[in-house]
Amino acid sequence: ELASNYRHTLTVAHGHDLSAAPLLARGAETGTVFAYQGSPSWIYVTFRSAPPQGRYDVRLLTTDGRRLALRPFTARPGGTAWGSTIQVPIRQIQKIEFIKSNVPIMTASFD
């Protein structure tokens, strides 16, 4: 039944695949990154609580070693979600990084 529901959801959304990975900050789970393969393909992040305020650069690392900049994220009080379209198949996502001052603060690894 679960597989049938999954296939139905992708059919309704005209998608091909859906994946998720935990978002970690200093080893603690702070949210979830969802990756959707469709037209368009996208990633969507839900935070358990608003991250520290400020601007984060967001980077997607691919399995073949590319580092792709995604749209930046500005954390504000009460902000608990962020999303961006992506231009690579989700099977090629190795990692998503939220970066402040050139340091990855939050990361999600797709294994």
Protein backbone atom coordinates (compact mmCIF):
# COMPACT_ATOMS: atom_id res chain seq x y z
CA GLU A 1 0.00 0.00 0.00
CA LEU A 2 2.84 2.40 0.83
CA ALA A 3 4.50 1.80 -2.54
CA SER A 4 1.16 2.35 -4.28
CA ASN A 5 0.67 5.66 -2.43
CA TYR A 6 4.22 6.75 -3.34
CA ARG A 7 3.66 5.95 -7.04
CA HIS A 8 0.31 7.77 -6.97
CA THR A 9 1.86 10.88 -5.42
CA LEU A 10 4.61 11.00 -8.05
CA THR A 11 2.07 10.46 -10.82
CA VAL A 12 -0.13 13.31 -9.60
CA ALA A 13 2.92 15.59 -9.31
CA HIS A 14 4.34 14.44 -12.69
CA GLY A 15 7.49 13.40 -10.86
CA HIS A 16 9.95 10.54 -11.16
CA ASP A 17 11.64 10.26 -7.78
CA LEU A 18 11.62 11.65 -4.25
CA SER A 19 14.34 11.39 -1.62
CA ALA A 20 15.10 12.86 1.81
CA ALA A 21 18.10 13.32 4.08
CA PRO A 22 18.51 14.65 7.63
CA LEU A 23 19.94 18.15 7.95
CA LEU A 24 22.65 18.23 10.62
CA ALA A 25 24.35 21.04 12.55
CA ARG A 26 27.24 19.98 14.79
CA GLY A 27 25.99 16.38 14.66
CA ALA A 28 22.44 17.19 15.78
CA GLU A 29 19.49 16.81 13.45
CA THR A 30 18.02 20.26 12.77
CA GLY A 31 15.71 19.53 9.85
CA THR A 32 15.04 17.51 6.72
CA VAL A 33 16.03 18.08 3.10
CA PHE A 34 13.60 16.73 0.50
CA ALA A 35 14.75 16.27 -3.11
CA TYR A 36 12.18 15.89 -5.90
CA GLN A 37 12.92 14.75 -9.46
CA GLY A 38 10.38 16.21 -11.87
CA SER A 39 9.77 19.26 -13.99
CA PRO A 40 11.09 21.31 -12.39
CA SER A 41 13.26 19.36 -9.95
CA TRP A 42 13.69 20.95 -6.54
CA ILE A 43 14.94 20.66 -3.00
CA TYR A 44 12.92 21.81 -0.02
CA VAL A 45 14.20 22.12 3.54
CA THR A 46 12.13 22.11 6.69
CA PHE A 47 13.89 23.24 9.87
CA ARG A 48 12.80 21.94 13.28
CA SER A 49 13.16 25.50 14.55
CA ALA A 50 14.42 28.70 12.96
CA PRO A 51 18.20 28.55 12.41
CA PRO A 52 20.45 31.35 13.68
CA GLN A 53 19.54 34.57 11.84
CA GLY A 54 21.53 35.78 8.90
CA ARG A 55 22.35 35.03 5.30
CA TYR A 56 23.53 31.58 4.29
CA ASP A 57 25.04 30.64 0.96
CA VAL A 58 23.69 27.27 -0.15
CA ARG A 59 25.73 24.80 -2.15
CA LEU A 60 24.88 21.48 -3.78
CA LEU A 61 27.76 19.03 -4.15
CA THR A 62 27.32 16.36 -6.82
CA THR A 63 28.55 12.78 -6.91
CA ASP A 64 30.92 13.72 -9.76
CA GLY A 65 32.57 16.50 -7.72
CA ARG A 66 30.76 19.63 -8.95
CA ARG A 67 29.89 22.41 -6.49
CA LEU A 68 26.76 24.26 -7.56
CA ALA A 69 25.53 27.45 -5.94
CA LEU A 70 21.82 27.51 -5.14
CA ARG A 71 19.79 30.55 -4.18
CA PRO A 72 20.85 31.95 -0.80
CA PHE A 73 18.79 31.54 2.35
CA THR A 74 18.16 34.38 4.79
CA ALA A 75 17.14 33.06 8.22
CA ARG A 76 14.65 35.22 10.04
CA PRO A 77 12.74 34.73 13.30
CA GLY A 78 10.07 32.09 12.77
CA GLY A 79 11.43 31.04 9.36
CA THR A 80 11.39 27.27 9.20
CA ALA A 81 11.56 26.42 5.47
CA TRP A 82 13.57 27.11 2.32
CA GLY A 83 13.54 25.74 -1.20
CA SER A 84 15.17 26.01 -4.59
CA THR A 85 14.88 24.49 -8.02
CA ILE A 86 17.86 22.42 -9.09
CA GLN A 87 19.37 21.62 -12.48
CA VAL A 88 20.78 18.15 -11.75
CA PRO A 89 19.11 14.77 -11.31
CA ILE A 90 18.52 14.13 -7.61
CA ARG A 91 20.49 10.86 -7.86
CA GLN A 92 23.56 13.05 -8.43
CA ILE A 93 23.17 14.96 -5.14
CA GLN A 94 25.91 14.04 -2.69
CA LYS A 95 25.47 16.85 -0.17
CA ILE A 96 23.67 20.13 0.52
CA GLU A 97 25.53 22.75 2.58
CA PHE A 98 24.31 25.93 4.27
CA ILE A 99 27.39 28.15 4.60
CA LYS A 100 28.18 31.24 6.71
CA SER A 101 31.56 32.98 6.53
CA ASN A 102 32.83 30.20 4.20
CA VAL A 103 32.08 27.51 6.82
CA PRO A 104 29.41 24.81 6.32
CA ILE A 105 27.04 25.31 9.29
CA MET A 106 24.32 22.81 8.32
CA THR A 107 24.74 19.85 5.96
CA ALA A 108 22.65 17.04 4.54
CA SER A 109 24.29 14.00 2.92
CA PHE A 110 22.45 11.89 0.38
CA ASP A 111 24.03 8.42 0.43
